[in-house]
Every structure is written in C-alpha cells, then in structure tokens.
Amino acid sequence: MGSEFADTHPLVIGIAGGSGSGKTTIAAAVVSALPGVVLIQHDAYYRHRPELDFEARTQINYDHPDSLETQLLIEHLAALDQGREVALPTYDFTRHLRASQTLPVRPAQVVIVEGILVLADPDLRARLDLKIYVDTDSDLRLARRIERDLTERGRSVESVLAQYFSTVRPMHLEFVESSKRYADLIIPEGYNPRAVATVVDMIRSYLALRDPSLSST
C-alpha cells in the first residue's frame, strides 16, 4: 500500500485541547465517518524511562512537552508522507512505560494526530495541514479525567486530583491553552456533532479533489 500514496501527500489534521476536552471522541467520530483515515495519538509517544523505578516514574510531569518524544512522531509523519509504514509505539499507563509491542500504521489519505500538546510544538505544527482545538470548560474536563483515570488506568481519586493541581492545570495554562491561538478551527464545549460534520465535509472535499468518484461517499 505504501507505493499507492507515494505520489500524493496525506492530509494531516491535528486535534488538540485540554485533558478530558472530548478531542479523542471527536477524532474517533471523524475516523468512523470516513474511510482512508488513520488516527495517531500523541500519548503513545511518552518517553520510555525504564531506568527509573515506578515511584520515580509517577513523579514525572506528563503534561510538559519534554515528557513526549515528539521528534519520533514527526519522523513517523514524514515516513507516512513518503508512503512508508511506521511502527507506532504503545504506552502502558498503569506502569508508566512503553509496552513491548508496536502497532503498524500504513500510509493513508488522511492522518489525524490527537493530543493535548499537538499544537504546542512548532515543528509538529509545521506538519499539520489543518489545526483544530477543542475548547471545553475546566470543570467538565476534570470530571472526565477523574472518570477515565479511575476506570481505565487504575488510579485513585486522590492521586488524580493531586496530579491535576500540581501539573495538569498549570501545564494546561502554560502550554495547552496558549496553543489555541494556532488553531484554524475551534470546537466549543467538547463533542459537537455539527463541528464534527464540518470537519468530515472538509475532508471529503479534500479527497474529492484527488478522486472525484469520492465526492458522493
């Protein structure tokens, strides 16, 4: 499949927003609505720190840009742009380590990159054709984060709140909220079906320019 896209560059869309903003739901809705779209989550690129014990890894500021190996993500986007398959890392949030397995991602017509800091890095921004920011009230984002971390990551309410006030909130204000100014499109109040429909229509228009037979899909 790599050679199929060798002569055409994929449309790369970045979806950012605070933790619990609904950006993952929006990205998944776009992927499910269209064929030929792949989703890459920035969270998969958290740095692998096996030299640290578990307690030390829990103290890492995971909301700071330095916690992510963004350069590897940029290299993977470049490879997909060149029609080459990449091995997407997977991250175990219960152990704060990368898992041994990787996920193969093949070149596609549309690549969505989703994560809180997607718009904060200038080199990553330079690879995005469309930049989206999901703007959601902080109370709702915190409630969603608590629910997610309790059910999916084996956390306690106390640990989630401690992390929120020590790193999540200050890093959001310093890096995430400030990156909103780079967005081409701002989606208010989290998952918004009309905004998702707008994004889907934009992608369909882009694909139709390449292949008019897709205009009715």
C-alpha atoms as a PDB file:
ATOM      1  CA  MET A   1       0.000   0.000   0.000  1.00  0.00           C
ATOM      2  CA  GLY A   2       2.980   2.319   0.526  1.00  0.00           C
ATOM      3  CA  SER A   3       3.501   2.976  -3.184  1.00  0.00           C
ATOM      4  CA  GLU A   4      -0.195   3.830  -3.570  1.00  0.00           C
ATOM      5  CA  PHE A   5       0.349   7.095  -1.704  1.00  0.00           C
ATOM      6  CA  ALA A   6       3.936   7.764  -2.748  1.00  0.00           C
ATOM      7  CA  ASP A   7       2.937  10.493  -5.200  1.00  0.00           C
ATOM      8  CA  THR A   8       0.274  12.159  -3.046  1.00  0.00           C
ATOM      9  CA  HIS A   9       0.754  13.742   0.332  1.00  0.00           C
ATOM     10  CA  PRO A  10      -1.732  12.847   3.059  1.00  0.00           C
ATOM     11  CA  LEU A  11      -3.917  15.483   4.649  1.00  0.00           C
ATOM     12  CA  VAL A  12      -2.573  15.762   8.214  1.00  0.00           C
ATOM     13  CA  ILE A  13      -5.010  17.083  10.818  1.00  0.00           C
ATOM     14  CA  GLY A  14      -4.045  17.978  14.380  1.00  0.00           C
ATOM     15  CA  ILE A  15      -6.686  17.881  17.115  1.00  0.00           C
ATOM     16  CA  ALA A  16      -5.646  19.437  20.436  1.00  0.00           C
ATOM     17  CA  GLY A  17      -7.349  20.526  23.645  1.00  0.00           C
ATOM     18  CA  GLY A  18      -7.131  20.004  27.361  1.00  0.00           C
ATOM     19  CA  SER A  19      -7.242  16.614  29.029  1.00  0.00           C
ATOM     20  CA  GLY A  20     -10.876  15.499  29.045  1.00  0.00           C
ATOM     21  CA  SER A  21     -11.936  18.056  26.455  1.00  0.00           C
ATOM     22  CA  GLY A  22     -13.509  15.465  24.157  1.00  0.00           C
ATOM     23  CA  LYS A  23     -10.855  15.582  21.456  1.00  0.00           C
ATOM     24  CA  THR A  24     -10.432  11.778  21.426  1.00  0.00           C
ATOM     25  CA  THR A  25     -14.194  11.335  20.929  1.00  0.00           C
ATOM     26  CA  ILE A  26     -14.165  13.848  18.101  1.00  0.00           C
ATOM     27  CA  ALA A  27     -11.174  12.209  16.419  1.00  0.00           C
ATOM     28  CA  ALA A  28     -12.828   8.785  16.689  1.00  0.00           C
ATOM     29  CA  ALA A  29     -16.068  10.178  15.224  1.00  0.00           C
ATOM     30  CA  VAL A  30     -14.199  11.532  12.205  1.00  0.00           C
ATOM     31  CA  VAL A  31     -12.345   8.240  11.696  1.00  0.00           C
ATOM     32  CA  SER A  32     -15.576   6.223  11.882  1.00  0.00           C
ATOM     33  CA  ALA A  33     -17.318   8.541   9.423  1.00  0.00           C
ATOM     34  CA  LEU A  34     -14.733   8.235   6.677  1.00  0.00           C
ATOM     35  CA  PRO A  35     -12.660   5.537   5.007  1.00  0.00           C
ATOM     36  CA  GLY A  36      -8.959   6.041   4.465  1.00  0.00           C
ATOM     37  CA  VAL A  37      -8.299   7.850   7.753  1.00  0.00           C
ATOM     38  CA  VAL A  38      -5.789   6.774  10.402  1.00  0.00           C
ATOM     39  CA  LEU A  39      -5.530   8.086  13.953  1.00  0.00           C
ATOM     40  CA  ILE A  40      -2.242   8.642  15.785  1.00  0.00           C
ATOM     41  CA  GLN A  41      -2.362   9.622  19.455  1.00  0.00           C
ATOM     42  CA  HIS A  42       0.433  11.798  20.782  1.00  0.00           C
ATOM     43  CA  ASP A  43       0.102   9.957  24.126  1.00  0.00           C
ATOM     44  CA  ALA A  44       1.638   6.880  22.512  1.00  0.00           C
ATOM     45  CA  TYR A  45       4.943   8.765  22.328  1.00  0.00           C
ATOM     46  CA  TYR A  46       5.524   9.281  26.048  1.00  0.00           C
ATOM     47  CA  ARG A  47       9.207   8.688  26.706  1.00  0.00           C
ATOM     48  CA  HIS A  48      10.244   5.219  27.834  1.00  0.00           C
ATOM     49  CA  ARG A  49      12.032   5.570  31.187  1.00  0.00           C
ATOM     50  CA  PRO A  50      12.867   2.031  32.396  1.00  0.00           C
ATOM     51  CA  GLU A  51      15.933   3.342  34.260  1.00  0.00           C
ATOM     52  CA  LEU A  52      13.563   4.905  36.804  1.00  0.00           C
ATOM     53  CA  ASP A  53      11.670   2.892  39.399  1.00  0.00           C
ATOM     54  CA  PHE A  54       7.869   3.017  39.463  1.00  0.00           C
ATOM     55  CA  GLU A  55       7.686   5.660  42.181  1.00  0.00           C
ATOM     56  CA  ALA A  56      10.053   7.936  40.258  1.00  0.00           C
ATOM     57  CA  ARG A  57       8.025   7.453  37.069  1.00  0.00           C
ATOM     58  CA  THR A  58       4.853   8.519  38.856  1.00  0.00           C
ATOM     59  CA  GLN A  59       6.533  11.835  39.659  1.00  0.00           C
ATOM     60  CA  ILE A  60       7.235  12.721  36.023  1.00  0.00           C
ATOM     61  CA  ASN A  61       5.358  15.744  34.736  1.00  0.00           C
ATOM     62  CA  TYR A  62       3.435  14.052  31.928  1.00  0.00           C
ATOM     63  CA  ASP A  63       1.772  17.314  30.907  1.00  0.00           C
ATOM     64  CA  HIS A  64       5.038  19.019  29.963  1.00  0.00           C
ATOM     65  CA  PRO A  65       6.185  18.822  26.318  1.00  0.00           C
ATOM     66  CA  ASP A  66       9.510  17.275  27.393  1.00  0.00           C
ATOM     67  CA  SER A  67       7.696  14.115  28.556  1.00  0.00           C
ATOM     68  CA  LEU A  68       6.879  13.253  24.944  1.00  0.00           C
ATOM     69  CA  GLU A  69       9.174  12.031  22.183  1.00  0.00           C
ATOM     70  CA  THR A  70       7.614  14.393  19.675  1.00  0.00           C
ATOM     71  CA  GLN A  71      10.568  14.175  17.307  1.00  0.00           C
ATOM     72  CA  LEU A  72       9.806  10.476  16.762  1.00  0.00           C
ATOM     73  CA  LEU A  73       6.197  11.365  15.930  1.00  0.00           C
ATOM     74  CA  ILE A  74       7.417  13.955  13.430  1.00  0.00           C
ATOM     75  CA  GLU A  75       9.696  11.336  11.859  1.00  0.00           C
ATOM     76  CA  HIS A  76       6.759   8.937  11.599  1.00  0.00           C
ATOM     77  CA  LEU A  77       4.628  11.590   9.886  1.00  0.00           C
ATOM     78  CA  ALA A  78       7.458  12.203   7.435  1.00  0.00           C
ATOM     79  CA  ALA A  79       7.663   8.472   6.708  1.00  0.00           C
ATOM     80  CA  LEU A  80       3.906   8.228   6.117  1.00  0.00           C
ATOM     81  CA  ASP A  81       4.182  11.237   3.827  1.00  0.00           C
ATOM     82  CA  GLN A  82       6.779   9.285   1.838  1.00  0.00           C
ATOM     83  CA  GLY A  83       4.492   6.250   1.599  1.00  0.00           C
ATOM     84  CA  ARG A  84       6.271   4.123   4.226  1.00  0.00           C
ATOM     85  CA  GLU A  85       4.665   2.124   7.026  1.00  0.00           C
ATOM     86  CA  VAL A  86       5.625   3.043  10.603  1.00  0.00           C
ATOM     87  CA  ALA A  87       5.643   1.172  13.923  1.00  0.00           C
ATOM     88  CA  LEU A  88       3.520   3.172  16.349  1.00  0.00           C
ATOM     89  CA  PRO A  89       4.661   2.790  19.974  1.00  0.00           C
ATOM     90  CA  THR A  90       2.132   1.781  22.625  1.00  0.00           C
ATOM     91  CA  TYR A  91       2.213   3.075  26.179  1.00  0.00           C
ATOM     92  CA  ASP A  92       1.177   1.284  29.369  1.00  0.00           C
ATOM     93  CA  PHE A  93      -0.303   3.974  31.622  1.00  0.00           C
ATOM     94  CA  THR A  94      -0.575   1.615  34.583  1.00  0.00           C
ATOM     95  CA  ARG A  95       3.214   1.097  34.633  1.00  0.00           C
ATOM     96  CA  HIS A  96       4.257   4.408  33.037  1.00  0.00           C
ATOM     97  CA  LEU A  97       6.342   2.552  30.458  1.00  0.00           C
ATOM     98  CA  ARG A  98       6.151   1.797  26.780  1.00  0.00           C
ATOM     99  CA  ALA A  99       4.825  -1.649  26.051  1.00  0.00           C
ATOM    100  CA  SER A 100       6.969  -4.077  24.070  1.00  0.00           C
ATOM    101  CA  GLN A 101       4.525  -4.330  21.180  1.00  0.00           C
ATOM    102  CA  THR A 102       4.089  -1.709  18.463  1.00  0.00           C
ATOM    103  CA  LEU A 103       1.191  -1.072  16.099  1.00  0.00           C
ATOM    104  CA  PRO A 104       1.759  -0.970  12.341  1.00  0.00           C
ATOM    105  CA  VAL A 105       0.367   2.163  10.711  1.00  0.00           C
ATOM    106  CA  ARG A 106       0.199   2.192   6.943  1.00  0.00           C
ATOM    107  CA  PRO A 107       0.114   5.288   4.738  1.00  0.00           C
ATOM    108  CA  ALA A 108      -3.341   6.786   4.343  1.00  0.00           C
ATOM    109  CA  GLN A 109      -5.023   9.669   2.572  1.00  0.00           C
ATOM    110  CA  VAL A 110      -5.818  11.364   5.873  1.00  0.00           C
ATOM    111  CA  VAL A 111      -3.818  11.236   9.112  1.00  0.00           C
ATOM    112  CA  ILE A 112      -5.276  12.607  12.353  1.00  0.00           C
ATOM    113  CA  VAL A 113      -2.870  13.423  15.186  1.00  0.00           C
ATOM    114  CA  GLU A 114      -4.591  13.865  18.546  1.00  0.00           C
ATOM    115  CA  GLY A 115      -3.229  15.029  21.897  1.00  0.00           C
ATOM    116  CA  ILE A 116      -3.145  17.859  24.411  1.00  0.00           C
ATOM    117  CA  LEU A 117       0.138  19.279  23.107  1.00  0.00           C
ATOM    118  CA  VAL A 118      -0.282  18.729  19.371  1.00  0.00           C
ATOM    119  CA  LEU A 119      -0.384  22.468  18.664  1.00  0.00           C
ATOM    120  CA  ALA A 120       2.277  23.433  21.224  1.00  0.00           C
ATOM    121  CA  ASP A 121       5.317  22.198  19.292  1.00  0.00           C
ATOM    122  CA  PRO A 122       6.299  24.403  16.317  1.00  0.00           C
ATOM    123  CA  ASP A 123       7.958  21.572  14.379  1.00  0.00           C
ATOM    124  CA  LEU A 124       4.888  19.374  14.756  1.00  0.00           C
ATOM    125  CA  ARG A 125       2.589  22.258  13.849  1.00  0.00           C
ATOM    126  CA  ALA A 126       4.556  22.706  10.646  1.00  0.00           C
ATOM    127  CA  ARG A 127       3.460  19.234   9.518  1.00  0.00           C
ATOM    128  CA  LEU A 128      -0.252  19.910  10.095  1.00  0.00           C
ATOM    129  CA  ASP A 129      -2.487  20.972   7.219  1.00  0.00           C
ATOM    130  CA  LEU A 130      -5.471  21.650   9.485  1.00  0.00           C
ATOM    131  CA  LYS A 131      -5.200  22.566  13.170  1.00  0.00           C
ATOM    132  CA  ILE A 132      -8.211  22.047  15.454  1.00  0.00           C
ATOM    133  CA  TYR A 133      -8.596  22.980  19.114  1.00  0.00           C
ATOM    134  CA  VAL A 134     -11.369  21.557  21.305  1.00  0.00           C
ATOM    135  CA  ASP A 135     -12.290  24.186  23.886  1.00  0.00           C
ATOM    136  CA  THR A 136     -14.114  22.743  26.918  1.00  0.00           C
ATOM    137  CA  ASP A 137     -14.883  24.107  30.397  1.00  0.00           C
ATOM    138  CA  SER A 138     -12.292  23.113  33.023  1.00  0.00           C
ATOM    139  CA  ASP A 139     -14.848  21.601  35.444  1.00  0.00           C
ATOM    140  CA  LEU A 140     -16.136  19.224  32.784  1.00  0.00           C
ATOM    141  CA  ARG A 141     -12.605  18.305  31.734  1.00  0.00           C
ATOM    142  CA  LEU A 142     -11.629  17.470  35.327  1.00  0.00           C
ATOM    143  CA  ALA A 143     -14.730  15.304  35.848  1.00  0.00           C
ATOM    144  CA  ARG A 144     -13.984  13.369  32.656  1.00  0.00           C
ATOM    145  CA  ARG A 145     -10.334  12.940  33.628  1.00  0.00           C
ATOM    146  CA  ILE A 146     -11.258  11.516  37.031  1.00  0.00           C
ATOM    147  CA  GLU A 147     -13.681   9.042  35.459  1.00  0.00           C
ATOM    148  CA  ARG A 148     -11.168   7.958  32.817  1.00  0.00           C
ATOM    149  CA  ASP A 149      -8.215   7.530  35.169  1.00  0.00           C
ATOM    150  CA  LEU A 150     -10.266   5.561  37.679  1.00  0.00           C
ATOM    151  CA  THR A 151     -11.801   3.190  35.142  1.00  0.00           C
ATOM    152  CA  GLU A 152      -9.004   2.844  32.572  1.00  0.00           C
ATOM    153  CA  ARG A 153      -5.755   3.473  34.432  1.00  0.00           C
ATOM    154  CA  GLY A 154      -6.350   2.088  37.917  1.00  0.00           C
ATOM    155  CA  ARG A 155      -5.852   5.426  39.660  1.00  0.00           C
ATOM    156  CA  SER A 156      -7.384   6.757  42.877  1.00  0.00           C
ATOM    157  CA  VAL A 157      -9.349   9.997  43.139  1.00  0.00           C
ATOM    158  CA  GLU A 158      -6.689  11.383  45.467  1.00  0.00           C
ATOM    159  CA  SER A 159      -3.851  10.714  43.027  1.00  0.00           C
ATOM    160  CA  VAL A 160      -5.804  12.153  40.088  1.00  0.00           C
ATOM    161  CA  LEU A 161      -6.589  15.367  41.978  1.00  0.00           C
ATOM    162  CA  ALA A 162      -3.027  15.693  43.263  1.00  0.00           C
ATOM    163  CA  GLN A 163      -1.668  15.395  39.735  1.00  0.00           C
ATOM    164  CA  TYR A 164      -4.302  17.767  38.362  1.00  0.00           C
ATOM    165  CA  PHE A 165      -3.422  20.615  40.707  1.00  0.00           C
ATOM    166  CA  SER A 166       0.357  20.052  40.702  1.00  0.00           C
ATOM    167  CA  THR A 167       0.950  19.611  36.960  1.00  0.00           C
ATOM    168  CA  VAL A 168      -2.139  19.206  34.770  1.00  0.00           C
ATOM    169  CA  ARG A 169      -3.741  22.586  35.458  1.00  0.00           C
ATOM    170  CA  PRO A 170      -0.537  24.713  35.406  1.00  0.00           C
ATOM    171  CA  MET A 171       0.751  22.957  32.277  1.00  0.00           C
ATOM    172  CA  HIS A 172      -2.634  23.409  30.605  1.00  0.00           C
ATOM    173  CA  LEU A 173      -2.470  27.141  31.235  1.00  0.00           C
ATOM    174  CA  GLU A 174       1.156  27.407  30.108  1.00  0.00           C
ATOM    175  CA  PHE A 175       1.223  25.135  27.058  1.00  0.00           C
ATOM    176  CA  VAL A 176      -2.207  23.842  26.026  1.00  0.00           C
ATOM    177  CA  GLU A 177      -4.479  26.868  26.389  1.00  0.00           C
ATOM    178  CA  SER A 178      -1.833  29.116  24.878  1.00  0.00           C
ATOM    179  CA  SER A 179      -1.616  26.877  21.783  1.00  0.00           C
ATOM    180  CA  LYS A 180      -5.260  27.636  20.925  1.00  0.00           C
ATOM    181  CA  ARG A 181      -4.134  30.725  19.039  1.00  0.00           C
ATOM    182  CA  TYR A 182      -2.611  28.493  16.354  1.00  0.00           C
ATOM    183  CA  ALA A 183      -5.889  26.698  15.610  1.00  0.00           C
ATOM    184  CA  ASP A 184      -7.618  27.042  12.252  1.00  0.00           C
ATOM    185  CA  LEU A 185     -10.864  25.792  13.793  1.00  0.00           C
ATOM    186  CA  ILE A 186     -12.042  25.913  17.421  1.00  0.00           C
ATOM    187  CA  ILE A 187     -14.727  23.455  18.526  1.00  0.00           C
ATOM    188  CA  PRO A 188     -16.548  24.726  21.628  1.00  0.00           C
ATOM    189  CA  GLU A 189     -17.898  22.623  24.511  1.00  0.00           C
ATOM    190  CA  GLY A 190     -16.274  19.324  23.606  1.00  0.00           C
ATOM    191  CA  TYR A 191     -18.026  16.885  21.291  1.00  0.00           C
ATOM    192  CA  ASN A 192     -20.126  18.926  18.910  1.00  0.00           C
ATOM    193  CA  PRO A 193     -21.872  16.951  16.126  1.00  0.00           C
ATOM    194  CA  ARG A 194     -22.175  19.992  13.876  1.00  0.00           C
ATOM    195  CA  ALA A 195     -18.475  20.768  14.178  1.00  0.00           C
ATOM    196  CA  VAL A 196     -17.602  17.134  13.521  1.00  0.00           C
ATOM    197  CA  ALA A 197     -19.820  17.216  10.429  1.00  0.00           C
ATOM    198  CA  THR A 198     -17.961  20.328   9.275  1.00  0.00           C
ATOM    199  CA  VAL A 199     -14.593  18.580   9.651  1.00  0.00           C
ATOM    200  CA  VAL A 200     -15.889  15.499   7.830  1.00  0.00           C
ATOM    201  CA  ASP A 201     -17.192  17.651   4.976  1.00  0.00           C
ATOM    202  CA  MET A 202     -13.837  19.434   4.726  1.00  0.00           C
ATOM    203  CA  ILE A 203     -12.034  16.091   4.468  1.00  0.00           C
ATOM    204  CA  ARG A 204     -14.494  14.813   1.873  1.00  0.00           C
ATOM    205  CA  SER A 205     -13.932  17.938  -0.205  1.00  0.00           C
ATOM    206  CA  TYR A 206     -10.179  17.420   0.024  1.00  0.00           C
ATOM    207  CA  LEU A 207     -10.442  13.771  -1.029  1.00  0.00           C
ATOM    208  CA  ALA A 208     -12.834  14.644  -3.846  1.00  0.00           C
ATOM    209  CA  LEU A 209     -10.239  16.992  -5.330  1.00  0.00           C
ATOM    210  CA  ARG A 210      -7.975  13.959  -5.672  1.00  0.00           C
ATOM    211  CA  ASP A 211     -10.630  11.496  -6.763  1.00  0.00           C
ATOM    212  CA  PRO A 212     -13.982  12.894  -7.986  1.00  0.00           C
ATOM    213  CA  SER A 213     -15.582   9.461  -7.508  1.00  0.00           C
ATOM    214  CA  LEU A 214     -15.319  10.016  -3.731  1.00  0.00           C
ATOM    215  CA  SER A 215     -17.446  13.172  -3.755  1.00  0.00           C
ATOM    216  CA  SER A 216     -20.647  11.195  -3.141  1.00  0.00           C
ATOM    217  CA  THR A 217     -19.302   8.991  -0.334  1.00  0.00           C
END
